[in-house]
Amino acid sequence: MAKLALFVRLHAKSGQETALADFLAGALPLANAESGTTSWFALRFDASTFGIFDTFDDDQGRQAHLSGPIAAALMANAEALLSEPPKIEMVDLLAAKLPG
C-alpha cells in the first residue's frame, strides 16, 4: 500500500476555470509516466476550486513528483491560471481501498 500522498488545492483565476480544468486533465499522461507515483487524481470541488491528490510508496517518489514535469508546468502557468499560490499538503496515508 502507498504510504505517502500529496494534496494540492488550486483556485482558478476568474475566467480561467476551463483552462485550469483542461490543464489538469492534460497532465494525466505525465502522471502515468512517473514510476514513483502510484495513483494520481485531478479533482474539481466547485466552479473555481480544483485539486490534485496523488500517492507514493516512499518519499523519493513524492519528491520526484514535486520536482517533475507536472509541478514545473503548474508553476510556469500559475500566474495565468491561479488566483493564489497552490496549497501543497504532505499527507501520510493511514488506510486505503484500491481495486485489484
N, C-alpha and C. Protein backbone atom coordinates (compact mmCIF):
# COMPACT_ATOMS: atom_id res chain seq x y z
N MET A 1 0.83 -1.19 0.00
CA MET A 1 0.00 0.00 0.00
C MET A 1 0.88 1.25 0.00
N ALA A 2 0.48 2.23 -0.78
CA ALA A 2 1.16 3.52 -0.76
C ALA A 2 1.05 4.12 0.64
N LYS A 3 2.12 4.74 1.09
CA LYS A 3 2.16 5.26 2.46
C LYS A 3 2.11 6.78 2.53
N LEU A 4 2.42 7.45 1.43
CA LEU A 4 2.52 8.90 1.42
C LEU A 4 1.66 9.48 0.31
N ALA A 5 1.28 10.75 0.47
CA ALA A 5 0.46 11.41 -0.55
C ALA A 5 0.74 12.90 -0.55
N LEU A 6 0.21 13.53 -1.58
CA LEU A 6 0.17 14.98 -1.67
C LEU A 6 -1.27 15.37 -1.93
N PHE A 7 -1.71 16.44 -1.30
CA PHE A 7 -2.98 17.04 -1.63
C PHE A 7 -2.69 18.50 -1.95
N VAL A 8 -3.05 18.91 -3.17
CA VAL A 8 -2.79 20.26 -3.63
C VAL A 8 -4.12 20.92 -3.98
N ARG A 9 -4.42 22.03 -3.32
CA ARG A 9 -5.65 22.78 -3.61
C ARG A 9 -5.29 23.95 -4.52
N LEU A 10 -6.11 24.12 -5.57
CA LEU A 10 -5.87 25.14 -6.58
C LEU A 10 -7.12 25.99 -6.76
N HIS A 11 -6.94 27.30 -6.81
CA HIS A 11 -8.05 28.22 -7.03
C HIS A 11 -7.83 28.93 -8.36
N ALA A 12 -8.75 28.71 -9.30
CA ALA A 12 -8.63 29.30 -10.63
C ALA A 12 -8.90 30.80 -10.59
N LYS A 13 -8.15 31.54 -11.41
CA LYS A 13 -8.47 32.94 -11.63
C LYS A 13 -9.81 33.03 -12.32
N SER A 14 -10.53 34.10 -12.07
CA SER A 14 -11.80 34.31 -12.74
C SER A 14 -11.59 34.28 -14.25
N GLY A 15 -12.39 33.48 -14.94
CA GLY A 15 -12.29 33.34 -16.38
C GLY A 15 -11.31 32.26 -16.83
N GLN A 16 -10.57 31.66 -15.89
CA GLN A 16 -9.57 30.64 -16.23
C GLN A 16 -9.97 29.24 -15.76
N GLU A 17 -11.22 29.09 -15.35
CA GLU A 17 -11.67 27.80 -14.81
C GLU A 17 -11.54 26.68 -15.85
N THR A 18 -11.98 26.92 -17.06
CA THR A 18 -11.90 25.89 -18.10
C THR A 18 -10.45 25.60 -18.45
N ALA A 19 -9.64 26.63 -18.52
CA ALA A 19 -8.21 26.44 -18.83
C ALA A 19 -7.53 25.61 -17.75
N LEU A 20 -7.85 25.84 -16.49
CA LEU A 20 -7.25 25.05 -15.41
C LEU A 20 -7.74 23.61 -15.46
N ALA A 21 -9.02 23.41 -15.70
CA ALA A 21 -9.56 22.05 -15.82
C ALA A 21 -8.87 21.32 -16.98
N ASP A 22 -8.69 21.99 -18.10
CA ASP A 22 -8.02 21.37 -19.25
C ASP A 22 -6.56 21.06 -18.94
N PHE A 23 -5.90 21.98 -18.24
CA PHE A 23 -4.51 21.76 -17.84
C PHE A 23 -4.39 20.49 -16.99
N LEU A 24 -5.26 20.37 -16.00
CA LEU A 24 -5.20 19.21 -15.11
C LEU A 24 -5.49 17.91 -15.87
N ALA A 25 -6.52 17.91 -16.70
CA ALA A 25 -6.84 16.70 -17.47
C ALA A 25 -5.68 16.34 -18.41
N GLY A 26 -5.03 17.35 -18.96
CA GLY A 26 -3.92 17.11 -19.86
C GLY A 26 -2.66 16.61 -19.18
N ALA A 27 -2.60 16.71 -17.85
CA ALA A 27 -1.42 16.25 -17.11
C ALA A 27 -1.42 14.74 -16.87
N LEU A 28 -2.52 14.07 -17.15
CA LEU A 28 -2.60 12.63 -16.89
C LEU A 28 -1.48 11.82 -17.56
N PRO A 29 -1.15 12.04 -18.83
CA PRO A 29 -0.05 11.27 -19.41
C PRO A 29 1.28 11.48 -18.68
N LEU A 30 1.51 12.69 -18.18
CA LEU A 30 2.74 12.94 -17.41
C LEU A 30 2.72 12.14 -16.10
N ALA A 31 1.58 12.11 -15.43
CA ALA A 31 1.46 11.34 -14.20
C ALA A 31 1.65 9.85 -14.47
N ASN A 32 1.08 9.37 -15.57
CA ASN A 32 1.24 7.95 -15.92
C ASN A 32 2.69 7.58 -16.18
N ALA A 33 3.50 8.53 -16.61
CA ALA A 33 4.91 8.27 -16.91
C ALA A 33 5.79 8.28 -15.66
N GLU A 34 5.27 8.73 -14.53
CA GLU A 34 6.07 8.80 -13.30
C GLU A 34 6.04 7.45 -12.58
N SER A 35 7.17 6.78 -12.56
CA SER A 35 7.21 5.45 -11.95
C SER A 35 6.99 5.50 -10.44
N GLY A 36 7.33 6.59 -9.78
CA GLY A 36 7.17 6.68 -8.33
C GLY A 36 5.81 7.15 -7.88
N THR A 37 4.94 7.54 -8.83
CA THR A 37 3.59 7.97 -8.49
C THR A 37 2.66 6.78 -8.64
N THR A 38 2.09 6.30 -7.53
CA THR A 38 1.27 5.08 -7.59
C THR A 38 -0.17 5.36 -7.98
N SER A 39 -0.69 6.54 -7.65
CA SER A 39 -2.01 6.95 -8.12
C SER A 39 -2.04 8.46 -8.21
N TRP A 40 -2.89 8.98 -9.10
CA TRP A 40 -2.95 10.42 -9.35
C TRP A 40 -4.38 10.77 -9.72
N PHE A 41 -4.91 11.80 -9.08
CA PHE A 41 -6.28 12.24 -9.32
C PHE A 41 -6.31 13.75 -9.51
N ALA A 42 -7.00 14.21 -10.53
CA ALA A 42 -7.30 15.63 -10.70
C ALA A 42 -8.74 15.82 -10.24
N LEU A 43 -8.98 16.83 -9.41
CA LEU A 43 -10.27 17.00 -8.74
C LEU A 43 -10.87 18.37 -9.04
N ARG A 44 -12.19 18.43 -9.03
CA ARG A 44 -12.90 19.71 -9.09
C ARG A 44 -13.91 19.73 -7.95
N PHE A 45 -13.80 20.74 -7.09
CA PHE A 45 -14.68 20.86 -5.93
C PHE A 45 -15.88 21.74 -6.22
N ASP A 46 -15.67 22.82 -6.94
CA ASP A 46 -16.74 23.71 -7.34
C ASP A 46 -16.29 24.44 -8.60
N ALA A 47 -16.98 25.48 -8.99
CA ALA A 47 -16.69 26.15 -10.27
C ALA A 47 -15.25 26.62 -10.39
N SER A 48 -14.62 27.04 -9.29
CA SER A 48 -13.28 27.60 -9.39
C SER A 48 -12.24 26.94 -8.49
N THR A 49 -12.62 25.90 -7.75
CA THR A 49 -11.70 25.24 -6.83
C THR A 49 -11.39 23.83 -7.34
N PHE A 50 -10.10 23.56 -7.49
CA PHE A 50 -9.62 22.30 -8.04
C PHE A 50 -8.60 21.70 -7.09
N GLY A 51 -8.18 20.48 -7.39
CA GLY A 51 -7.15 19.86 -6.58
C GLY A 51 -6.46 18.74 -7.31
N ILE A 52 -5.36 18.34 -6.73
CA ILE A 52 -4.62 17.15 -7.18
C ILE A 52 -4.37 16.31 -5.93
N PHE A 53 -4.64 15.03 -6.04
CA PHE A 53 -4.31 14.08 -4.97
C PHE A 53 -3.52 12.96 -5.60
N ASP A 54 -2.33 12.70 -5.07
CA ASP A 54 -1.52 11.62 -5.60
C ASP A 54 -0.83 10.88 -4.48
N THR A 55 -0.50 9.61 -4.75
CA THR A 55 0.06 8.75 -3.71
C THR A 55 1.40 8.18 -4.16
N PHE A 56 2.20 7.80 -3.15
CA PHE A 56 3.57 7.34 -3.37
C PHE A 56 3.93 6.27 -2.35
N ASP A 57 4.78 5.34 -2.76
CA ASP A 57 5.26 4.31 -1.84
C ASP A 57 6.30 4.85 -0.86
N ASP A 58 7.04 5.88 -1.29
CA ASP A 58 8.11 6.41 -0.44
C ASP A 58 8.33 7.89 -0.74
N ASP A 59 9.15 8.51 0.10
CA ASP A 59 9.39 9.94 -0.06
C ASP A 59 10.20 10.24 -1.32
N GLN A 60 11.00 9.30 -1.79
CA GLN A 60 11.74 9.50 -3.03
C GLN A 60 10.78 9.73 -4.20
N GLY A 61 9.72 8.94 -4.28
CA GLY A 61 8.72 9.11 -5.32
C GLY A 61 7.98 10.43 -5.18
N ARG A 62 7.66 10.79 -3.95
CA ARG A 62 6.95 12.05 -3.71
C ARG A 62 7.82 13.24 -4.10
N GLN A 63 9.09 13.21 -3.71
CA GLN A 63 9.99 14.31 -4.05
C GLN A 63 10.24 14.38 -5.56
N ALA A 64 10.33 13.23 -6.23
CA ALA A 64 10.50 13.21 -7.69
C ALA A 64 9.29 13.87 -8.36
N HIS A 65 8.11 13.60 -7.84
CA HIS A 65 6.90 14.21 -8.40
C HIS A 65 6.92 15.73 -8.19
N LEU A 66 7.31 16.16 -7.01
CA LEU A 66 7.34 17.59 -6.70
C LEU A 66 8.35 18.35 -7.57
N SER A 67 9.36 17.66 -8.05
CA SER A 67 10.34 18.31 -8.92
C SER A 67 10.19 17.87 -10.37
N GLY A 68 9.07 17.22 -10.68
CA GLY A 68 8.85 16.69 -12.02
C GLY A 68 8.11 17.63 -12.96
N PRO A 69 7.73 17.12 -14.12
CA PRO A 69 7.15 17.96 -15.17
C PRO A 69 5.77 18.54 -14.84
N ILE A 70 4.95 17.85 -14.07
CA ILE A 70 3.62 18.40 -13.74
C ILE A 70 3.79 19.62 -12.85
N ALA A 71 4.60 19.49 -11.81
CA ALA A 71 4.83 20.62 -10.90
C ALA A 71 5.48 21.78 -11.64
N ALA A 72 6.43 21.49 -12.52
CA ALA A 72 7.09 22.55 -13.27
C ALA A 72 6.10 23.28 -14.18
N ALA A 73 5.26 22.52 -14.85
CA ALA A 73 4.27 23.14 -15.74
C ALA A 73 3.24 23.95 -14.95
N LEU A 74 2.83 23.43 -13.80
CA LEU A 74 1.88 24.16 -12.97
C LEU A 74 2.48 25.49 -12.51
N MET A 75 3.70 25.46 -12.04
CA MET A 75 4.32 26.69 -11.55
C MET A 75 4.58 27.67 -12.71
N ALA A 76 4.89 27.16 -13.89
CA ALA A 76 5.11 28.02 -15.05
C ALA A 76 3.82 28.72 -15.49
N ASN A 77 2.68 28.09 -15.22
CA ASN A 77 1.38 28.64 -15.62
C ASN A 77 0.58 29.22 -14.46
N ALA A 78 1.14 29.20 -13.26
CA ALA A 78 0.41 29.61 -12.06
C ALA A 78 -0.10 31.04 -12.15
N GLU A 79 0.71 31.96 -12.61
CA GLU A 79 0.29 33.36 -12.66
C GLU A 79 -0.91 33.56 -13.59
N ALA A 80 -0.93 32.83 -14.69
CA ALA A 80 -2.02 32.97 -15.66
C ALA A 80 -3.29 32.25 -15.20
N LEU A 81 -3.15 31.10 -14.52
CA LEU A 81 -4.29 30.25 -14.21
C LEU A 81 -4.85 30.41 -12.80
N LEU A 82 -3.99 30.74 -11.82
CA LEU A 82 -4.38 30.66 -10.41
C LEU A 82 -4.56 32.04 -9.78
N SER A 83 -5.55 32.13 -8.89
CA SER A 83 -5.80 33.37 -8.16
C SER A 83 -4.93 33.49 -6.92
N GLU A 84 -4.31 32.39 -6.51
CA GLU A 84 -3.41 32.37 -5.36
C GLU A 84 -2.45 31.19 -5.54
N PRO A 85 -1.33 31.20 -4.82
CA PRO A 85 -0.38 30.08 -4.97
C PRO A 85 -1.03 28.75 -4.58
N PRO A 86 -0.60 27.64 -5.20
CA PRO A 86 -1.11 26.33 -4.82
C PRO A 86 -0.82 26.05 -3.34
N LYS A 87 -1.76 25.41 -2.69
CA LYS A 87 -1.55 24.99 -1.30
C LYS A 87 -1.19 23.50 -1.33
N ILE A 88 0.06 23.19 -1.03
CA ILE A 88 0.57 21.82 -1.11
C ILE A 88 0.66 21.25 0.30
N GLU A 89 -0.03 20.14 0.51
CA GLU A 89 0.00 19.47 1.82
C GLU A 89 0.60 18.09 1.69
N MET A 90 1.57 17.79 2.54
CA MET A 90 2.15 16.45 2.63
C MET A 90 1.22 15.61 3.51
N VAL A 91 0.88 14.43 3.05
CA VAL A 91 -0.10 13.60 3.73
C VAL A 91 0.48 12.21 3.99
N ASP A 92 0.23 11.65 5.17
CA ASP A 92 0.54 10.26 5.47
C ASP A 92 -0.76 9.48 5.33
N LEU A 93 -0.74 8.40 4.56
CA LEU A 93 -1.93 7.57 4.39
C LEU A 93 -2.04 6.57 5.51
N LEU A 94 -3.23 6.45 6.07
CA LEU A 94 -3.48 5.52 7.16
C LEU A 94 -4.08 4.21 6.67
N ALA A 95 -4.94 4.29 5.65
CA ALA A 95 -5.59 3.10 5.10
C ALA A 95 -6.12 3.45 3.71
N ALA A 96 -6.29 2.45 2.88
CA ALA A 96 -6.81 2.68 1.53
C ALA A 96 -7.49 1.42 1.02
N LYS A 97 -8.49 1.61 0.19
CA LYS A 97 -9.11 0.52 -0.53
C LYS A 97 -8.90 0.80 -2.02
N LEU A 98 -8.21 -0.08 -2.69
CA LEU A 98 -7.89 0.09 -4.09
C LEU A 98 -8.39 -1.12 -4.88
N PRO A 99 -8.65 -0.94 -6.16
CA PRO A 99 -9.09 -2.10 -6.97
C PRO A 99 -7.97 -3.12 -7.09
N GLY A 100 -8.36 -4.34 -7.35
CA GLY A 100 -7.39 -5.39 -7.61
C GLY A 100 -7.10 -6.16 -6.41
